[in-house]
Amino acid sequence: GGSVQPGGSLRLSCVVSGVTFGNYAMGWFRQAP
């Protein structure tokens, strides 16, 4: 995460440990103020 100007780009990463990762679907959610 971070701060960007409109029109910019970011890449979020999510590392999962403790499970066989490929056995599960993954989702992204967000909560605005």
PDB file of all heavy atoms in Angstrom:
ATOM      1  N   GLY A   1       0.819  -1.203   0.000  1.00  0.00           N
ATOM      2  CA  GLY A   1       0.000   0.000   0.000  1.00  0.00           C
ATOM      3  C   GLY A   1       0.854   1.254   0.000  1.00  0.00           C
ATOM      4  O   GLY A   1       2.074   1.204   0.165  1.00  0.00           O
ATOM      5  N   GLY A   2       0.212   2.390  -0.192  1.00  0.00           N
ATOM      6  CA  GLY A   2       0.919   3.655  -0.191  1.00  0.00           C
ATOM      7  C   GLY A   2       0.050   4.765  -0.721  1.00  0.00           C
ATOM      8  O   GLY A   2      -1.163   4.608  -0.862  1.00  0.00           O
ATOM      9  N   SER A   3       0.686   5.876  -1.020  1.00  0.00           N
ATOM     10  CA  SER A   3      -0.011   7.046  -1.545  1.00  0.00           C
ATOM     11  C   SER A   3       0.378   7.263  -2.996  1.00  0.00           C
ATOM     12  O   SER A   3       1.566   7.226  -3.324  1.00  0.00           O
ATOM     13  CB  SER A   3       0.347   8.283  -0.721  1.00  0.00           C
ATOM     14  OG  SER A   3      -0.105   8.155   0.598  1.00  0.00           O
ATOM     15  N   VAL A   4      -0.614   7.488  -3.828  1.00  0.00           N
ATOM     16  CA  VAL A   4      -0.367   7.739  -5.243  1.00  0.00           C
ATOM     17  C   VAL A   4      -1.293   8.836  -5.722  1.00  0.00           C
ATOM     18  O   VAL A   4      -2.332   9.111  -5.116  1.00  0.00           O
ATOM     19  CB  VAL A   4      -0.568   6.487  -6.109  1.00  0.00           C
ATOM     20  CG1 VAL A   4       0.442   5.420  -5.776  1.00  0.00           C
ATOM     21  CG2 VAL A   4      -1.986   5.970  -5.985  1.00  0.00           C
ATOM     22  N   GLN A   5      -0.927   9.431  -6.829  1.00  0.00           N
ATOM     23  CA  GLN A   5      -1.771  10.436  -7.454  1.00  0.00           C
ATOM     24  C   GLN A   5      -2.812   9.755  -8.338  1.00  0.00           C
ATOM     25  O   GLN A   5      -2.617   8.610  -8.770  1.00  0.00           O
ATOM     26  CB  GLN A   5      -0.925  11.386  -8.293  1.00  0.00           C
ATOM     27  CG  GLN A   5       0.016  12.251  -7.466  1.00  0.00           C
ATOM     28  CD  GLN A   5       0.730  13.271  -8.318  1.00  0.00           C
ATOM     29  OE1 GLN A   5       0.872  13.123  -9.534  1.00  0.00           O
ATOM     30  NE2 GLN A   5       1.194  14.341  -7.678  1.00  0.00           N
ATOM     31  N   PRO A   6      -3.919  10.424  -8.585  1.00  0.00           N
ATOM     32  CA  PRO A   6      -4.910   9.850  -9.502  1.00  0.00           C
ATOM     33  C   PRO A   6      -4.276   9.469 -10.836  1.00  0.00           C
ATOM     34  O   PRO A   6      -3.445  10.208 -11.366  1.00  0.00           O
ATOM     35  CB  PRO A   6      -5.921  10.986  -9.666  1.00  0.00           C
ATOM     36  CG  PRO A   6      -5.817  11.751  -8.391  1.00  0.00           C
ATOM     37  CD  PRO A   6      -4.360  11.712  -8.010  1.00  0.00           C
ATOM     38  N   GLY A   7      -4.673   8.307 -11.326  1.00  0.00           N
ATOM     39  CA  GLY A   7      -4.084   7.785 -12.560  1.00  0.00           C
ATOM     40  C   GLY A   7      -2.893   6.888 -12.334  1.00  0.00           C
ATOM     41  O   GLY A   7      -2.423   6.234 -13.274  1.00  0.00           O
ATOM     42  N   GLY A   8      -2.409   6.838 -11.102  1.00  0.00           N
ATOM     43  CA  GLY A   8      -1.247   6.036 -10.793  1.00  0.00           C
ATOM     44  C   GLY A   8      -1.570   4.567 -10.585  1.00  0.00           C
ATOM     45  O   GLY A   8      -2.725   4.146 -10.705  1.00  0.00           O
ATOM     46  N   SER A   9      -0.533   3.812 -10.256  1.00  0.00           N
ATOM     47  CA  SER A   9      -0.658   2.363 -10.088  1.00  0.00           C
ATOM     48  C   SER A   9       0.018   1.911  -8.806  1.00  0.00           C
ATOM     49  O   SER A   9       0.956   2.550  -8.325  1.00  0.00           O
ATOM     50  CB  SER A   9      -0.009   1.634 -11.272  1.00  0.00           C
ATOM     51  OG  SER A   9      -0.615   1.987 -12.490  1.00  0.00           O
ATOM     52  N   LEU A  10      -0.483   0.809  -8.278  1.00  0.00           N
ATOM     53  CA  LEU A  10       0.132   0.129  -7.143  1.00  0.00           C
ATOM     54  C   LEU A  10      -0.088  -1.355  -7.314  1.00  0.00           C
ATOM     55  O   LEU A  10      -1.091  -1.781  -7.903  1.00  0.00           O
ATOM     56  CB  LEU A  10      -0.496   0.571  -5.817  1.00  0.00           C
ATOM     57  CG  LEU A  10      -0.078   1.890  -5.178  1.00  0.00           C
ATOM     58  CD1 LEU A  10      -0.936   2.149  -3.946  1.00  0.00           C
ATOM     59  CD2 LEU A  10       1.386   1.898  -4.821  1.00  0.00           C
ATOM     60  N   ARG A  11       0.815  -2.140  -6.749  1.00  0.00           N
ATOM     61  CA  ARG A  11       0.610  -3.587  -6.694  1.00  0.00           C
ATOM     62  C   ARG A  11       0.657  -4.033  -5.250  1.00  0.00           C
ATOM     63  O   ARG A  11       1.660  -3.841  -4.553  1.00  0.00           O
ATOM     64  CB  ARG A  11       1.657  -4.351  -7.497  1.00  0.00           C
ATOM     65  CG  ARG A  11       1.322  -5.835  -7.578  1.00  0.00           C
ATOM     66  CD  ARG A  11       2.271  -6.631  -8.441  1.00  0.00           C
ATOM     67  NE  ARG A  11       3.495  -6.994  -7.745  1.00  0.00           N
ATOM     68  CZ  ARG A  11       4.255  -8.029  -8.087  1.00  0.00           C
ATOM     69  NH1 ARG A  11       3.921  -8.799  -9.097  1.00  0.00           N
ATOM     70  NH2 ARG A  11       5.367  -8.268  -7.416  1.00  0.00           N
ATOM     71  N   LEU A  12      -0.434  -4.625  -4.821  1.00  0.00           N
ATOM     72  CA  LEU A  12      -0.512  -5.192  -3.477  1.00  0.00           C
ATOM     73  C   LEU A  12      -0.129  -6.667  -3.526  1.00  0.00           C
ATOM     74  O   LEU A  12      -0.439  -7.358  -4.482  1.00  0.00           O
ATOM     75  CB  LEU A  12      -1.925  -5.050  -2.915  1.00  0.00           C
ATOM     76  CG  LEU A  12      -2.528  -3.650  -2.923  1.00  0.00           C
ATOM     77  CD1 LEU A  12      -3.915  -3.678  -2.267  1.00  0.00           C
ATOM     78  CD2 LEU A  12      -1.621  -2.646  -2.247  1.00  0.00           C
ATOM     79  N   SER A  13       0.540  -7.107  -2.470  1.00  0.00           N
ATOM     80  CA  SER A  13       0.921  -8.509  -2.345  1.00  0.00           C
ATOM     81  C   SER A  13       0.324  -9.082  -1.071  1.00  0.00           C
ATOM     82  O   SER A  13       0.112  -8.353  -0.098  1.00  0.00           O
ATOM     83  CB  SER A  13       2.443  -8.655  -2.308  1.00  0.00           C
ATOM     84  OG  SER A  13       3.044  -8.187  -3.486  1.00  0.00           O
ATOM     85  N   CYS A  14       0.106 -10.386  -1.088  1.00  0.00           N
ATOM     86  CA  CYS A  14      -0.489 -11.077   0.061  1.00  0.00           C
ATOM     87  C   CYS A  14       0.178 -12.435   0.187  1.00  0.00           C
ATOM     88  O   CYS A  14      -0.024 -13.296  -0.672  1.00  0.00           O
ATOM     89  CB  CYS A  14      -1.980 -11.206  -0.149  1.00  0.00           C
ATOM     90  SG  CYS A  14      -2.823 -12.266   1.058  1.00  0.00           S
ATOM     91  N   VAL A  15       0.953 -12.606   1.224  1.00  0.00           N
ATOM     92  CA  VAL A  15       1.642 -13.868   1.455  1.00  0.00           C
ATOM     93  C   VAL A  15       0.867 -14.681   2.482  1.00  0.00           C
ATOM     94  O   VAL A  15       0.525 -14.171   3.557  1.00  0.00           O
ATOM     95  CB  VAL A  15       3.077 -13.633   1.940  1.00  0.00           C
ATOM     96  CG1 VAL A  15       3.765 -14.956   2.208  1.00  0.00           C
ATOM     97  CG2 VAL A  15       3.865 -12.817   0.916  1.00  0.00           C
ATOM     98  N   VAL A  16       0.620 -15.929   2.152  1.00  0.00           N
ATOM     99  CA  VAL A  16      -0.133 -16.822   3.034  1.00  0.00           C
ATOM    100  C   VAL A  16       0.769 -17.966   3.469  1.00  0.00           C
ATOM    101  O   VAL A  16       1.456 -18.567   2.635  1.00  0.00           O
ATOM    102  CB  VAL A  16      -1.378 -17.372   2.326  1.00  0.00           C
ATOM    103  CG1 VAL A  16      -2.155 -18.305   3.268  1.00  0.00           C
ATOM    104  CG2 VAL A  16      -2.273 -16.245   1.846  1.00  0.00           C
ATOM    105  N   SER A  17       0.773 -18.262   4.728  1.00  0.00           N
ATOM    106  CA  SER A  17       1.561 -19.374   5.248  1.00  0.00           C
ATOM    107  C   SER A  17       0.682 -20.251   6.136  1.00  0.00           C
ATOM    108  O   SER A  17      -0.356 -19.812   6.632  1.00  0.00           O
ATOM    109  CB  SER A  17       2.766 -18.862   6.043  1.00  0.00           C
ATOM    110  OG  SER A  17       2.347 -18.048   7.113  1.00  0.00           O
ATOM    111  N   GLY A  18       1.115 -21.494   6.302  1.00  0.00           N
ATOM    112  CA  GLY A  18       0.408 -22.404   7.192  1.00  0.00           C
ATOM    113  C   GLY A  18      -0.634 -23.272   6.532  1.00  0.00           C
ATOM    114  O   GLY A  18      -1.293 -24.061   7.217  1.00  0.00           O
ATOM    115  N   VAL A  19      -0.813 -23.131   5.216  1.00  0.00           N
ATOM    116  CA  VAL A  19      -1.758 -23.958   4.463  1.00  0.00           C
ATOM    117  C   VAL A  19      -1.155 -24.268   3.096  1.00  0.00           C
ATOM    118  O   VAL A  19      -0.178 -23.636   2.686  1.00  0.00           O
ATOM    119  CB  VAL A  19      -3.114 -23.258   4.244  1.00  0.00           C
ATOM    120  CG1 VAL A  19      -3.846 -23.062   5.563  1.00  0.00           C
ATOM    121  CG2 VAL A  19      -2.952 -21.941   3.495  1.00  0.00           C
ATOM    122  N   THR A  20      -1.753 -25.237   2.396  1.00  0.00           N
ATOM    123  CA  THR A  20      -1.374 -25.483   1.002  1.00  0.00           C
ATOM    124  C   THR A  20      -2.098 -24.444   0.167  1.00  0.00           C
ATOM    125  O   THR A  20      -3.282 -24.567  -0.143  1.00  0.00           O
ATOM    126  CB  THR A  20      -1.773 -26.904   0.587  1.00  0.00           C
ATOM    127  OG1 THR A  20      -1.147 -27.842   1.476  1.00  0.00           O
ATOM    128  CG2 THR A  20      -1.326 -27.179  -0.836  1.00  0.00           C
ATOM    129  N   PHE A  21      -1.367 -23.411  -0.185  1.00  0.00           N
ATOM    130  CA  PHE A  21      -1.946 -22.190  -0.750  1.00  0.00           C
ATOM    131  C   PHE A  21      -2.821 -22.460  -1.964  1.00  0.00           C
ATOM    132  O   PHE A  21      -3.923 -21.911  -2.093  1.00  0.00           O
ATOM    133  CB  PHE A  21      -0.801 -21.244  -1.109  1.00  0.00           C
ATOM    134  CG  PHE A  21      -1.213 -19.924  -1.670  1.00  0.00           C
ATOM    135  CD1 PHE A  21      -1.914 -19.008  -0.903  1.00  0.00           C
ATOM    136  CD2 PHE A  21      -0.894 -19.574  -2.974  1.00  0.00           C
ATOM    137  CE1 PHE A  21      -2.286 -17.778  -1.416  1.00  0.00           C
ATOM    138  CE2 PHE A  21      -1.255 -18.354  -3.509  1.00  0.00           C
ATOM    139  CZ  PHE A  21      -1.952 -17.445  -2.734  1.00  0.00           C
ATOM    140  N   GLY A  22      -2.376 -23.315  -2.866  1.00  0.00           N
ATOM    141  CA  GLY A  22      -3.094 -23.562  -4.102  1.00  0.00           C
ATOM    142  C   GLY A  22      -4.431 -24.261  -3.921  1.00  0.00           C
ATOM    143  O   GLY A  22      -5.203 -24.364  -4.871  1.00  0.00           O
ATOM    144  N   ASN A  23      -4.725 -24.718  -2.717  1.00  0.00           N
ATOM    145  CA  ASN A  23      -5.987 -25.393  -2.443  1.00  0.00           C
ATOM    146  C   ASN A  23      -7.138 -24.453  -2.118  1.00  0.00           C
ATOM    147  O   ASN A  23      -8.253 -24.897  -1.867  1.00  0.00           O
ATOM    148  CB  ASN A  23      -5.826 -26.365  -1.272  1.00  0.00           C
ATOM    149  CG  ASN A  23      -5.043 -27.614  -1.661  1.00  0.00           C
ATOM    150  OD1 ASN A  23      -4.733 -27.829  -2.825  1.00  0.00           O
ATOM    151  ND2 ASN A  23      -4.700 -28.416  -0.667  1.00  0.00           N
ATOM    152  N   TYR A  24      -6.842 -23.146  -2.112  1.00  0.00           N
ATOM    153  CA  TYR A  24      -7.849 -22.185  -1.663  1.00  0.00           C
ATOM    154  C   TYR A  24      -7.959 -20.995  -2.599  1.00  0.00           C
ATOM    155  O   TYR A  24      -6.947 -20.462  -3.064  1.00  0.00           O
ATOM    156  CB  TYR A  24      -7.518 -21.690  -0.256  1.00  0.00           C
ATOM    157  CG  TYR A  24      -7.461 -22.798   0.750  1.00  0.00           C
ATOM    158  CD1 TYR A  24      -6.256 -23.395   1.086  1.00  0.00           C
ATOM    159  CD2 TYR A  24      -8.628 -23.294   1.325  1.00  0.00           C
ATOM    160  CE1 TYR A  24      -6.202 -24.448   1.984  1.00  0.00           C
ATOM    161  CE2 TYR A  24      -8.582 -24.347   2.221  1.00  0.00           C
ATOM    162  CZ  TYR A  24      -7.368 -24.922   2.547  1.00  0.00           C
ATOM    163  OH  TYR A  24      -7.328 -25.960   3.435  1.00  0.00           O
ATOM    164  N   ALA A  25      -9.194 -20.588  -2.835  1.00  0.00           N
ATOM    165  CA  ALA A  25      -9.418 -19.321  -3.514  1.00  0.00           C
ATOM    166  C   ALA A  25      -8.989 -18.186  -2.588  1.00  0.00           C
ATOM    167  O   ALA A  25      -8.953 -18.336  -1.366  1.00  0.00           O
ATOM    168  CB  ALA A  25     -10.889 -19.176  -3.883  1.00  0.00           C
ATOM    169  N   MET A  26      -8.670 -17.060  -3.196  1.00  0.00           N
ATOM    170  CA  MET A  26      -8.255 -15.876  -2.435  1.00  0.00           C
ATOM    171  C   MET A  26      -9.093 -14.681  -2.869  1.00  0.00           C
ATOM    172  O   MET A  26      -9.535 -14.594  -4.023  1.00  0.00           O
ATOM    173  CB  MET A  26      -6.785 -15.565  -2.677  1.00  0.00           C
ATOM    174  CG  MET A  26      -5.815 -16.630  -2.164  1.00  0.00           C
ATOM    175  SD  MET A  26      -5.836 -16.779  -0.364  1.00  0.00           S
ATOM    176  CE  MET A  26      -5.275 -15.147   0.125  1.00  0.00           C
ATOM    177  N   GLY A  27      -9.286 -13.770  -1.943  1.00  0.00           N
ATOM    178  CA  GLY A  27     -10.045 -12.576  -2.266  1.00  0.00           C
ATOM    179  C   GLY A  27      -9.390 -11.320  -1.734  1.00  0.00           C
ATOM    180  O   GLY A  27      -8.596 -11.372  -0.791  1.00  0.00           O
ATOM    181  N   TRP A  28      -9.715 -10.228  -2.382  1.00  0.00           N
ATOM    182  CA  TRP A  28      -9.318  -8.901  -1.908  1.00  0.00           C
ATOM    183  C   TRP A  28     -10.597  -8.116  -1.593  1.00  0.00           C
ATOM    184  O   TRP A  28     -11.549  -8.131  -2.365  1.00  0.00           O
ATOM    185  CB  TRP A  28      -8.512  -8.148  -2.950  1.00  0.00           C
ATOM    186  CG  TRP A  28      -7.096  -8.613  -3.097  1.00  0.00           C
ATOM    187  CD1 TRP A  28      -6.623  -9.510  -4.004  1.00  0.00           C
ATOM    188  CD2 TRP A  28      -5.970  -8.203  -2.325  1.00  0.00           C
ATOM    189  NE1 TRP A  28      -5.270  -9.685  -3.838  1.00  0.00           N
ATOM    190  CE2 TRP A  28      -4.843  -8.889  -2.811  1.00  0.00           C
ATOM    191  CE3 TRP A  28      -5.792  -7.313  -1.253  1.00  0.00           C
ATOM    192  CZ2 TRP A  28      -3.558  -8.725  -2.276  1.00  0.00           C
ATOM    193  CZ3 TRP A  28      -4.525  -7.140  -0.727  1.00  0.00           C
ATOM    194  CH2 TRP A  28      -3.430  -7.847  -1.230  1.00  0.00           C
ATOM    195  N   PHE A  29     -10.567  -7.436  -0.482  1.00  0.00           N
ATOM    196  CA  PHE A  29     -11.655  -6.566  -0.055  1.00  0.00           C
ATOM    197  C   PHE A  29     -11.068  -5.197   0.270  1.00  0.00           C
ATOM    198  O   PHE A  29      -9.855  -5.057   0.419  1.00  0.00           O
ATOM    199  CB  PHE A  29     -12.330  -7.128   1.209  1.00  0.00           C
ATOM    200  CG  PHE A  29     -13.109  -8.396   0.984  1.00  0.00           C
ATOM    201  CD1 PHE A  29     -12.459  -9.612   0.793  1.00  0.00           C
ATOM    202  CD2 PHE A  29     -14.494  -8.386   0.984  1.00  0.00           C
ATOM    203  CE1 PHE A  29     -13.172 -10.781   0.596  1.00  0.00           C
ATOM    204  CE2 PHE A  29     -15.226  -9.549   0.793  1.00  0.00           C
ATOM    205  CZ  PHE A  29     -14.561 -10.745   0.593  1.00  0.00           C
ATOM    206  N   ARG A  30     -11.915  -4.198   0.412  1.00  0.00           N
ATOM    207  CA  ARG A  30     -11.442  -2.892   0.825  1.00  0.00           C
ATOM    208  C   ARG A  30     -12.496  -2.200   1.675  1.00  0.00           C
ATOM    209  O   ARG A  30     -13.690  -2.476   1.555  1.00  0.00           O
ATOM    210  CB  ARG A  30     -11.087  -2.014  -0.381  1.00  0.00           C
ATOM    211  CG  ARG A  30     -12.272  -1.631  -1.260  1.00  0.00           C
ATOM    212  CD  ARG A  30     -11.772  -0.872  -2.491  1.00  0.00           C
ATOM    213  NE  ARG A  30     -12.876  -0.503  -3.378  1.00  0.00           N
ATOM    214  CZ  ARG A  30     -12.718   0.068  -4.561  1.00  0.00           C
ATOM    215  NH1 ARG A  30     -11.492   0.338  -5.013  1.00  0.00           N
ATOM    216  NH2 ARG A  30     -13.771   0.371  -5.294  1.00  0.00           N
ATOM    217  N   GLN A  31     -12.014  -1.311   2.530  1.00  0.00           N
ATOM    218  CA  GLN A  31     -12.910  -0.529   3.374  1.00  0.00           C
ATOM    219  C   GLN A  31     -12.484   0.923   3.325  1.00  0.00           C
ATOM    220  O   GLN A  31     -11.393   1.271   3.801  1.00  0.00           O
ATOM    221  CB  GLN A  31     -12.906  -1.035   4.815  1.00  0.00           C
ATOM    222  CG  GLN A  31     -13.941  -0.348   5.683  1.00  0.00           C
ATOM    223  CD  GLN A  31     -14.157  -1.049   7.015  1.00  0.00           C
ATOM    224  OE1 GLN A  31     -13.309  -1.819   7.465  1.00  0.00           O
ATOM    225  NE2 GLN A  31     -15.285  -0.812   7.626  1.00  0.00           N
ATOM    226  N   ALA A  32     -13.331   1.733   2.728  1.00  0.00           N
ATOM    227  CA  ALA A  32     -13.082   3.168   2.645  1.00  0.00           C
ATOM    228  C   ALA A  32     -13.510   3.831   3.954  1.00  0.00           C
ATOM    229  O   ALA A  32     -14.362   3.288   4.680  1.00  0.00           O
ATOM    230  CB  ALA A  32     -13.847   3.754   1.476  1.00  0.00           C
ATOM    231  N   PRO A  33     -12.950   4.986   4.257  1.00  0.00           N
ATOM    232  CA  PRO A  33     -13.315   5.681   5.498  1.00  0.00           C
ATOM    233  C   PRO A  33     -14.819   5.897   5.594  1.00  0.00           C
ATOM    234  O   PRO A  33     -15.452   6.405   4.663  1.00  0.00           O
ATOM    235  CB  PRO A  33     -12.568   7.010   5.389  1.00  0.00           C
ATOM    236  CG  PRO A  33     -11.403   6.715   4.510  1.00  0.00           C
ATOM    237  CD  PRO A  33     -11.897   5.700   3.522  1.00  0.00           C
TER     238      PRO A  33
END
